[in-house]
N, C-alpha and C. Protein backbone atom coordinates (compact mmCIF):
# COMPACT_ATOMS: atom_id res chain seq x y z
N MET A 1 -3.53 -11.86 19.97
CA MET A 1 -2.93 -11.75 21.28
C MET A 1 -3.89 -12.35 22.30
N ALA A 2 -3.47 -13.29 23.02
CA ALA A 2 -4.31 -13.91 24.03
C ALA A 2 -4.41 -13.00 25.25
N GLY A 3 -5.55 -13.06 25.89
CA GLY A 3 -5.71 -12.36 27.15
C GLY A 3 -6.16 -10.92 27.04
N ILE A 4 -6.28 -10.38 25.85
CA ILE A 4 -6.75 -9.00 25.72
C ILE A 4 -8.25 -9.02 25.47
N ASP A 5 -8.97 -8.31 26.31
CA ASP A 5 -10.41 -8.24 26.18
C ASP A 5 -10.81 -6.78 26.40
N VAL A 6 -10.91 -6.04 25.33
CA VAL A 6 -11.15 -4.61 25.42
C VAL A 6 -12.59 -4.31 25.04
N PRO A 7 -13.37 -3.75 25.98
CA PRO A 7 -14.75 -3.41 25.64
C PRO A 7 -14.80 -2.19 24.73
N LEU A 8 -15.84 -2.10 23.94
CA LEU A 8 -16.02 -0.92 23.11
C LEU A 8 -16.34 0.28 24.00
N ALA A 9 -15.87 1.43 23.62
CA ALA A 9 -16.05 2.64 24.42
C ALA A 9 -17.32 3.39 24.03
N VAL A 10 -18.12 2.79 23.17
CA VAL A 10 -19.36 3.44 22.74
C VAL A 10 -20.42 2.37 22.53
N ASP A 11 -21.63 2.71 22.91
CA ASP A 11 -22.77 1.83 22.66
C ASP A 11 -23.21 2.08 21.22
N LEU A 12 -22.88 1.13 20.36
CA LEU A 12 -23.13 1.32 18.92
C LEU A 12 -24.60 1.44 18.59
N GLU A 13 -25.44 0.68 19.26
CA GLU A 13 -26.88 0.77 19.01
C GLU A 13 -27.42 2.14 19.41
N ALA A 14 -26.95 2.66 20.54
CA ALA A 14 -27.38 4.00 20.97
C ALA A 14 -26.90 5.05 19.99
N LEU A 15 -25.68 4.91 19.49
CA LEU A 15 -25.16 5.85 18.51
C LEU A 15 -25.97 5.76 17.21
N ALA A 16 -26.27 4.55 16.78
CA ALA A 16 -27.09 4.37 15.57
C ALA A 16 -28.47 5.00 15.76
N ASP A 17 -29.05 4.82 16.94
CA ASP A 17 -30.35 5.44 17.23
C ASP A 17 -30.24 6.96 17.17
N ARG A 18 -29.16 7.51 17.71
CA ARG A 18 -28.95 8.98 17.72
C ARG A 18 -28.85 9.52 16.30
N LEU A 19 -28.19 8.76 15.41
CA LEU A 19 -27.97 9.23 14.04
C LEU A 19 -29.18 9.01 13.15
N GLY A 20 -30.02 8.06 13.46
CA GLY A 20 -31.24 7.86 12.71
C GLY A 20 -31.19 6.68 11.75
N PRO A 21 -32.34 6.36 11.20
CA PRO A 21 -32.48 5.14 10.40
C PRO A 21 -31.75 5.13 9.07
N ASP A 22 -31.29 6.26 8.60
CA ASP A 22 -30.60 6.29 7.31
C ASP A 22 -29.08 6.14 7.44
N HIS A 23 -28.61 5.78 8.64
CA HIS A 23 -27.18 5.58 8.87
C HIS A 23 -26.87 4.12 9.15
N LEU A 24 -25.75 3.67 8.64
CA LEU A 24 -25.24 2.33 8.89
C LEU A 24 -23.84 2.48 9.48
N LEU A 25 -23.62 1.89 10.64
CA LEU A 25 -22.31 1.95 11.28
C LEU A 25 -21.52 0.69 10.92
N LEU A 26 -20.33 0.90 10.39
CA LEU A 26 -19.43 -0.21 10.08
C LEU A 26 -18.32 -0.20 11.12
N LEU A 27 -18.15 -1.31 11.82
CA LEU A 27 -17.13 -1.40 12.87
C LEU A 27 -16.02 -2.32 12.40
N ARG A 28 -14.81 -1.79 12.39
CA ARG A 28 -13.64 -2.62 12.08
C ARG A 28 -12.69 -2.50 13.26
N LYS A 29 -12.60 -3.56 14.02
CA LYS A 29 -11.74 -3.58 15.20
C LYS A 29 -10.29 -3.81 14.78
N HIS A 30 -9.37 -3.44 15.66
CA HIS A 30 -7.95 -3.69 15.43
C HIS A 30 -7.74 -5.17 15.16
N TYR A 31 -6.84 -5.51 14.28
CA TYR A 31 -6.67 -6.90 13.90
C TYR A 31 -6.31 -7.81 15.07
N TYR A 32 -5.71 -7.27 16.12
CA TYR A 32 -5.44 -8.08 17.31
C TYR A 32 -6.73 -8.43 18.05
N LEU A 33 -7.74 -7.59 17.90
CA LEU A 33 -8.97 -7.74 18.68
C LEU A 33 -10.17 -8.15 17.86
N GLY A 34 -10.01 -8.30 16.58
CA GLY A 34 -11.13 -8.57 15.70
C GLY A 34 -11.93 -9.79 16.06
N HIS A 35 -11.30 -10.79 16.63
CA HIS A 35 -11.98 -12.04 16.96
C HIS A 35 -12.63 -11.99 18.34
N GLN A 36 -12.37 -10.96 19.13
CA GLN A 36 -12.89 -10.88 20.49
C GLN A 36 -14.09 -9.96 20.56
N ASN A 37 -14.83 -10.12 21.62
CA ASN A 37 -16.02 -9.29 21.86
C ASN A 37 -16.89 -9.17 20.61
N PRO A 38 -17.51 -10.25 20.20
CA PRO A 38 -18.35 -10.15 19.02
C PRO A 38 -19.41 -9.07 19.19
N VAL A 39 -19.64 -8.34 18.15
CA VAL A 39 -20.61 -7.26 18.18
C VAL A 39 -21.91 -7.79 17.58
N PRO A 40 -23.00 -7.73 18.35
CA PRO A 40 -24.26 -8.19 17.77
C PRO A 40 -24.64 -7.28 16.60
N GLU A 41 -24.77 -7.89 15.44
CA GLU A 41 -25.12 -7.09 14.26
C GLU A 41 -26.61 -6.79 14.27
N SER A 42 -26.93 -5.66 13.70
CA SER A 42 -28.31 -5.25 13.60
C SER A 42 -28.51 -4.63 12.22
N VAL A 43 -29.66 -4.06 12.03
CA VAL A 43 -29.96 -3.43 10.75
C VAL A 43 -29.00 -2.27 10.48
N ARG A 44 -28.51 -1.60 11.55
CA ARG A 44 -27.68 -0.41 11.36
C ARG A 44 -26.27 -0.53 11.92
N VAL A 45 -25.86 -1.72 12.38
CA VAL A 45 -24.51 -1.92 12.88
C VAL A 45 -23.96 -3.21 12.28
N ARG A 46 -22.82 -3.10 11.61
CA ARG A 46 -22.18 -4.27 11.01
C ARG A 46 -20.73 -4.35 11.47
N ASP A 47 -20.33 -5.54 11.89
CA ASP A 47 -18.94 -5.79 12.23
C ASP A 47 -18.23 -6.22 10.95
N VAL A 48 -17.35 -5.37 10.45
CA VAL A 48 -16.62 -5.66 9.21
C VAL A 48 -15.15 -5.93 9.50
N SER A 49 -14.87 -6.41 10.70
CA SER A 49 -13.49 -6.68 11.11
C SER A 49 -12.81 -7.72 10.23
N ALA A 50 -13.59 -8.61 9.64
CA ALA A 50 -13.01 -9.67 8.80
C ALA A 50 -12.68 -9.17 7.39
N GLU A 51 -13.09 -7.97 7.05
CA GLU A 51 -12.78 -7.41 5.72
C GLU A 51 -11.26 -7.25 5.61
N PRO A 52 -10.64 -7.93 4.66
CA PRO A 52 -9.17 -7.89 4.59
C PRO A 52 -8.59 -6.57 4.06
N ASP A 53 -9.36 -5.82 3.31
CA ASP A 53 -8.82 -4.62 2.68
C ASP A 53 -9.51 -3.38 3.23
N ILE A 54 -8.82 -2.67 4.10
CA ILE A 54 -9.42 -1.48 4.70
C ILE A 54 -9.68 -0.40 3.66
N ALA A 55 -8.96 -0.42 2.55
CA ALA A 55 -9.18 0.58 1.50
C ALA A 55 -10.61 0.49 0.96
N GLU A 56 -11.14 -0.70 0.87
CA GLU A 56 -12.53 -0.87 0.41
C GLU A 56 -13.49 -0.21 1.40
N LEU A 57 -13.20 -0.33 2.67
CA LEU A 57 -14.04 0.30 3.68
C LEU A 57 -13.90 1.81 3.64
N HIS A 58 -12.71 2.30 3.38
CA HIS A 58 -12.51 3.75 3.24
C HIS A 58 -13.37 4.30 2.12
N LEU A 59 -13.45 3.57 1.03
CA LEU A 59 -14.27 4.02 -0.10
C LEU A 59 -15.75 4.01 0.24
N ALA A 60 -16.18 3.03 1.03
CA ALA A 60 -17.60 2.89 1.36
C ALA A 60 -18.06 3.89 2.41
N ALA A 61 -17.15 4.33 3.27
CA ALA A 61 -17.52 5.17 4.41
C ALA A 61 -17.71 6.62 4.02
N ASP A 62 -18.62 7.28 4.73
CA ASP A 62 -18.82 8.73 4.57
C ASP A 62 -17.96 9.51 5.56
N VAL A 63 -17.52 8.86 6.61
CA VAL A 63 -16.72 9.49 7.66
C VAL A 63 -15.90 8.40 8.34
N LEU A 64 -14.71 8.75 8.79
CA LEU A 64 -13.88 7.82 9.57
C LEU A 64 -13.92 8.25 11.02
N VAL A 65 -14.29 7.32 11.88
CA VAL A 65 -14.16 7.52 13.33
C VAL A 65 -13.11 6.52 13.77
N THR A 66 -12.03 7.01 14.32
CA THR A 66 -10.94 6.13 14.72
C THR A 66 -10.36 6.62 16.03
N ASP A 67 -9.50 5.79 16.60
CA ASP A 67 -8.80 6.25 17.79
C ASP A 67 -7.49 6.87 17.33
N TYR A 68 -6.39 6.22 17.54
CA TYR A 68 -5.10 6.80 17.20
C TYR A 68 -4.48 6.07 16.02
N SER A 69 -5.29 5.52 15.17
CA SER A 69 -4.83 4.67 14.08
C SER A 69 -4.17 5.48 12.97
N SER A 70 -3.16 4.87 12.38
CA SER A 70 -2.51 5.49 11.22
C SER A 70 -3.43 5.50 10.01
N SER A 71 -4.60 4.86 10.10
CA SER A 71 -5.54 4.90 8.99
C SER A 71 -6.01 6.33 8.71
N ILE A 72 -5.79 7.23 9.65
CA ILE A 72 -6.11 8.65 9.43
C ILE A 72 -5.39 9.15 8.17
N PHE A 73 -4.15 8.77 8.01
CA PHE A 73 -3.35 9.24 6.88
C PHE A 73 -3.85 8.66 5.56
N ASP A 74 -4.25 7.41 5.58
CA ASP A 74 -4.78 6.78 4.37
C ASP A 74 -6.15 7.34 4.02
N PHE A 75 -6.98 7.55 5.02
CA PHE A 75 -8.34 8.04 4.79
C PHE A 75 -8.35 9.49 4.34
N ALA A 76 -7.38 10.28 4.79
CA ALA A 76 -7.35 11.71 4.45
C ALA A 76 -7.30 11.94 2.94
N VAL A 77 -6.78 10.98 2.21
CA VAL A 77 -6.73 11.10 0.75
C VAL A 77 -8.13 11.23 0.16
N THR A 78 -9.13 10.64 0.83
CA THR A 78 -10.50 10.64 0.31
C THR A 78 -11.16 12.02 0.41
N GLY A 79 -10.67 12.85 1.32
CA GLY A 79 -11.30 14.16 1.52
C GLY A 79 -12.54 14.09 2.39
N LYS A 80 -12.89 12.90 2.87
CA LYS A 80 -14.08 12.75 3.71
C LYS A 80 -13.71 13.01 5.17
N PRO A 81 -14.69 13.44 5.97
CA PRO A 81 -14.41 13.83 7.36
C PRO A 81 -13.78 12.72 8.20
N ILE A 82 -12.97 13.17 9.15
CA ILE A 82 -12.29 12.29 10.10
C ILE A 82 -12.58 12.80 11.51
N VAL A 83 -12.94 11.88 12.39
CA VAL A 83 -13.16 12.20 13.79
C VAL A 83 -12.28 11.28 14.62
N LEU A 84 -11.51 11.86 15.50
CA LEU A 84 -10.67 11.08 16.40
C LEU A 84 -11.45 10.86 17.69
N PHE A 85 -11.81 9.62 17.96
CA PHE A 85 -12.55 9.27 19.17
C PHE A 85 -11.54 8.84 20.22
N ALA A 86 -11.13 9.80 21.04
CA ALA A 86 -10.05 9.60 22.02
C ALA A 86 -10.64 9.45 23.41
N TYR A 87 -11.42 8.40 23.60
CA TYR A 87 -12.09 8.15 24.87
C TYR A 87 -11.10 7.90 26.01
N ASP A 88 -9.88 7.50 25.67
CA ASP A 88 -8.85 7.22 26.68
C ASP A 88 -7.64 8.15 26.50
N LEU A 89 -7.89 9.35 26.11
CA LEU A 89 -6.84 10.30 25.74
C LEU A 89 -5.78 10.47 26.82
N GLU A 90 -6.17 10.75 28.03
CA GLU A 90 -5.16 10.99 29.08
C GLU A 90 -4.30 9.76 29.33
N HIS A 91 -4.93 8.60 29.38
CA HIS A 91 -4.16 7.36 29.60
C HIS A 91 -3.20 7.11 28.45
N TYR A 92 -3.69 7.22 27.23
CA TYR A 92 -2.86 6.94 26.05
C TYR A 92 -1.70 7.94 25.95
N ARG A 93 -2.03 9.21 26.11
CA ARG A 93 -1.02 10.27 25.98
C ARG A 93 -0.02 10.26 27.13
N ASP A 94 -0.50 10.17 28.37
CA ASP A 94 0.35 10.38 29.53
C ASP A 94 1.03 9.12 30.06
N ARG A 95 0.42 7.95 29.84
CA ARG A 95 0.98 6.74 30.43
C ARG A 95 1.34 5.65 29.42
N LEU A 96 0.62 5.56 28.34
CA LEU A 96 0.82 4.43 27.45
C LEU A 96 1.86 4.68 26.37
N ARG A 97 1.62 5.66 25.48
CA ARG A 97 2.53 5.82 24.34
C ARG A 97 2.88 7.25 24.00
N GLY A 98 2.00 8.17 24.22
CA GLY A 98 2.24 9.53 23.75
C GLY A 98 1.94 9.65 22.27
N PHE A 99 2.19 10.83 21.72
CA PHE A 99 1.86 11.10 20.32
C PHE A 99 3.03 11.74 19.60
N THR A 100 3.11 11.52 18.31
CA THR A 100 4.11 12.20 17.50
C THR A 100 3.56 13.47 16.88
N LEU A 101 2.24 13.62 16.87
CA LEU A 101 1.58 14.83 16.38
C LEU A 101 0.81 15.47 17.53
N ASP A 102 0.68 16.77 17.46
CA ASP A 102 -0.14 17.47 18.45
C ASP A 102 -1.60 17.36 17.99
N LEU A 103 -2.39 16.61 18.74
CA LEU A 103 -3.77 16.37 18.34
C LEU A 103 -4.59 17.65 18.30
N THR A 104 -4.27 18.61 19.14
CA THR A 104 -5.07 19.83 19.21
C THR A 104 -4.79 20.78 18.05
N THR A 105 -3.64 20.64 17.39
CA THR A 105 -3.32 21.59 16.32
C THR A 105 -3.11 20.94 14.95
N GLU A 106 -2.93 19.62 14.90
CA GLU A 106 -2.56 19.00 13.63
C GLU A 106 -3.56 18.00 13.06
N MET A 107 -4.54 17.57 13.83
CA MET A 107 -5.50 16.61 13.32
C MET A 107 -6.45 17.28 12.32
N PRO A 108 -6.90 16.53 11.32
CA PRO A 108 -7.78 17.11 10.29
C PRO A 108 -9.25 17.13 10.68
N GLY A 109 -9.54 16.78 11.92
CA GLY A 109 -10.92 16.77 12.39
C GLY A 109 -10.92 16.85 13.91
N PRO A 110 -12.10 16.88 14.48
CA PRO A 110 -12.19 17.05 15.93
C PRO A 110 -11.71 15.83 16.70
N VAL A 111 -11.24 16.11 17.91
CA VAL A 111 -10.88 15.06 18.86
C VAL A 111 -11.98 15.07 19.91
N VAL A 112 -12.76 14.00 19.97
CA VAL A 112 -13.85 13.91 20.92
C VAL A 112 -13.52 12.84 21.94
N THR A 113 -14.01 13.03 23.17
CA THR A 113 -13.62 12.13 24.24
C THR A 113 -14.75 11.31 24.84
N ASP A 114 -15.98 11.54 24.38
CA ASP A 114 -17.07 10.70 24.90
C ASP A 114 -18.11 10.45 23.82
N ALA A 115 -18.93 9.46 24.06
CA ALA A 115 -19.89 9.01 23.06
C ALA A 115 -20.96 10.06 22.75
N THR A 116 -21.32 10.85 23.74
CA THR A 116 -22.32 11.91 23.50
C THR A 116 -21.79 12.93 22.50
N GLU A 117 -20.57 13.36 22.74
CA GLU A 117 -19.93 14.33 21.84
C GLU A 117 -19.74 13.72 20.45
N LEU A 118 -19.40 12.44 20.39
CA LEU A 118 -19.25 11.76 19.11
C LEU A 118 -20.56 11.79 18.33
N GLY A 119 -21.66 11.50 18.97
CA GLY A 119 -22.97 11.54 18.32
C GLY A 119 -23.30 12.92 17.80
N GLU A 120 -22.98 13.95 18.57
CA GLU A 120 -23.25 15.32 18.16
C GLU A 120 -22.45 15.69 16.91
N VAL A 121 -21.19 15.32 16.89
CA VAL A 121 -20.32 15.64 15.75
C VAL A 121 -20.79 14.90 14.49
N LEU A 122 -21.13 13.63 14.64
CA LEU A 122 -21.54 12.83 13.48
C LEU A 122 -22.91 13.22 12.94
N ALA A 123 -23.71 13.85 13.77
CA ALA A 123 -25.05 14.25 13.35
C ALA A 123 -25.03 15.40 12.33
N ASP A 124 -23.89 16.08 12.19
CA ASP A 124 -23.80 17.21 11.27
C ASP A 124 -22.52 17.12 10.43
N LEU A 125 -22.48 16.17 9.51
CA LEU A 125 -21.28 16.02 8.67
C LEU A 125 -21.03 17.22 7.76
N PRO A 126 -22.06 17.84 7.17
CA PRO A 126 -21.77 19.05 6.38
C PRO A 126 -21.12 20.15 7.23
N GLY A 127 -21.60 20.33 8.44
CA GLY A 127 -21.00 21.32 9.33
C GLY A 127 -19.59 20.95 9.71
N LEU A 128 -19.36 19.67 9.92
CA LEU A 128 -18.02 19.18 10.23
C LEU A 128 -17.06 19.48 9.09
N ARG A 129 -17.49 19.23 7.87
CA ARG A 129 -16.65 19.53 6.70
C ARG A 129 -16.29 21.02 6.64
N ARG A 130 -17.30 21.87 6.83
CA ARG A 130 -17.06 23.32 6.76
C ARG A 130 -16.11 23.78 7.87
N GLU A 131 -16.39 23.34 9.09
CA GLU A 131 -15.63 23.81 10.24
C GLU A 131 -14.16 23.38 10.17
N TRP A 132 -13.89 22.23 9.60
CA TRP A 132 -12.54 21.68 9.59
C TRP A 132 -11.86 21.77 8.23
N ALA A 133 -12.43 22.47 7.28
CA ALA A 133 -11.89 22.52 5.91
C ALA A 133 -10.45 23.01 5.86
N ASP A 134 -10.13 24.08 6.55
CA ASP A 134 -8.77 24.63 6.49
C ASP A 134 -7.75 23.68 7.12
N ARG A 135 -8.09 23.14 8.28
CA ARG A 135 -7.17 22.22 8.96
C ARG A 135 -7.01 20.95 8.13
N TYR A 136 -8.09 20.47 7.52
CA TYR A 136 -8.05 19.27 6.69
C TYR A 136 -7.13 19.51 5.49
N ALA A 137 -7.28 20.66 4.84
CA ALA A 137 -6.43 20.98 3.68
C ALA A 137 -4.96 21.04 4.07
N ALA A 138 -4.67 21.61 5.23
CA ALA A 138 -3.28 21.67 5.70
C ALA A 138 -2.74 20.27 5.97
N PHE A 139 -3.56 19.41 6.54
CA PHE A 139 -3.16 18.02 6.81
C PHE A 139 -2.88 17.29 5.51
N GLN A 140 -3.78 17.44 4.53
CA GLN A 140 -3.58 16.81 3.23
C GLN A 140 -2.32 17.33 2.55
N ASP A 141 -2.10 18.63 2.64
CA ASP A 141 -0.92 19.21 2.02
C ASP A 141 0.36 18.65 2.63
N ARG A 142 0.33 18.45 3.94
CA ARG A 142 1.53 17.95 4.63
C ARG A 142 1.73 16.45 4.44
N PHE A 143 0.66 15.67 4.51
CA PHE A 143 0.81 14.22 4.56
C PHE A 143 0.33 13.47 3.31
N CYS A 144 -0.42 14.12 2.45
CA CYS A 144 -1.00 13.42 1.30
C CYS A 144 -0.60 14.04 -0.03
N ASN A 145 0.34 14.95 -0.02
CA ASN A 145 0.66 15.71 -1.23
C ASN A 145 1.21 14.85 -2.36
N LEU A 146 1.72 13.68 -2.05
CA LEU A 146 2.24 12.81 -3.11
C LEU A 146 1.23 11.74 -3.53
N ASP A 147 0.08 11.71 -2.89
CA ASP A 147 -0.97 10.76 -3.25
C ASP A 147 -1.84 11.36 -4.35
N ASP A 148 -1.26 11.47 -5.51
CA ASP A 148 -1.93 12.13 -6.64
C ASP A 148 -2.19 11.20 -7.81
N GLY A 149 -1.95 9.91 -7.62
CA GLY A 149 -2.15 8.96 -8.71
C GLY A 149 -0.90 8.70 -9.53
N TYR A 150 0.19 9.40 -9.23
CA TYR A 150 1.42 9.27 -10.01
C TYR A 150 2.61 8.79 -9.18
N ALA A 151 2.35 8.28 -7.98
CA ALA A 151 3.44 7.84 -7.11
C ALA A 151 4.25 6.72 -7.74
N SER A 152 3.57 5.76 -8.36
CA SER A 152 4.29 4.65 -9.01
C SER A 152 5.17 5.16 -10.14
N ASP A 153 4.65 6.11 -10.90
CA ASP A 153 5.45 6.70 -11.99
C ASP A 153 6.72 7.33 -11.45
N ARG A 154 6.62 8.04 -10.32
CA ARG A 154 7.79 8.68 -9.73
C ARG A 154 8.80 7.65 -9.24
N VAL A 155 8.31 6.57 -8.66
CA VAL A 155 9.22 5.52 -8.20
C VAL A 155 9.93 4.88 -9.39
N LEU A 156 9.18 4.55 -10.43
CA LEU A 156 9.79 3.95 -11.62
C LEU A 156 10.81 4.89 -12.24
N GLN A 157 10.50 6.16 -12.29
CA GLN A 157 11.42 7.14 -12.86
C GLN A 157 12.69 7.26 -12.02
N ALA A 158 12.55 7.12 -10.69
CA ALA A 158 13.72 7.19 -9.82
C ALA A 158 14.60 5.96 -9.98
N VAL A 159 13.97 4.80 -10.17
CA VAL A 159 14.73 3.56 -10.29
C VAL A 159 15.28 3.38 -11.70
N TRP A 160 14.46 3.64 -12.69
CA TRP A 160 14.87 3.49 -14.10
C TRP A 160 14.57 4.78 -14.86
N PRO A 161 15.41 5.76 -14.73
CA PRO A 161 15.14 7.03 -15.42
C PRO A 161 15.12 6.82 -16.93
N SER A 162 14.26 7.55 -17.58
CA SER A 162 14.20 7.47 -19.03
C SER A 162 15.46 8.12 -19.62
N PRO A 163 15.88 7.72 -20.83
CA PRO A 163 17.09 8.30 -21.44
C PRO A 163 17.00 9.82 -21.55
N ARG A 164 15.81 10.34 -21.80
CA ARG A 164 15.65 11.80 -21.92
C ARG A 164 15.90 12.49 -20.60
N ALA A 165 15.57 11.82 -19.52
CA ALA A 165 15.71 12.45 -18.19
C ALA A 165 17.17 12.50 -17.74
N ARG A 166 18.05 11.65 -18.32
CA ARG A 166 19.45 11.61 -17.89
C ARG A 166 20.24 12.79 -18.45
N GLY A 167 19.79 13.32 -19.57
CA GLY A 167 20.37 14.40 -20.29
C GLY A 167 21.67 14.87 -19.96
C-alpha cells in the first residue's frame, strides 16, 4: 500500500537492553508495511518481515507480542505466552474497527498499552505463564480444540467416509 508510513510504537533497542543480552527480538511487520521503515538490525534485534512462513517464526519464538493480529489464534496452539501490545487501543477500538472478542476477558495473555509495561511483562515469562494459565487454557479450549494433529483425518473422513463408518 503506497503512502502508509507507520512508526514502531516501541524502541526495540531499549526493549532489548531492558531484557538483557540473552534475548533476541524478532520483528515481523504486517505484510503491507514490511518494506517500509527499515529496522536497523543489531545483535539482539532482527527484522524477519521477509520470512514467508510465519509458522516457522512461531516455532522459534518463546513469546508472541502482537497487536490485534489473528496470529494469536495460530500461536496459541504452541502453548507459549502471548502478549497483546495495544499501544493504540482506544483509537483502534473506538474509532477504527472495534473488536469481536472482549480483550479484557477473553485474551490468553495480558493487554499492555505502553513500552514500559511491555518490558516488565516480558522480563518474567515464567510468571506470565503462571498468571495466565487458566485464561490461556480456556482460550485454547475454545479456539484450538481441533488443532490436535488429526484435522486432516477428520476432513478426509467427512469427504470420503470409510465403508465401516457408513454402517
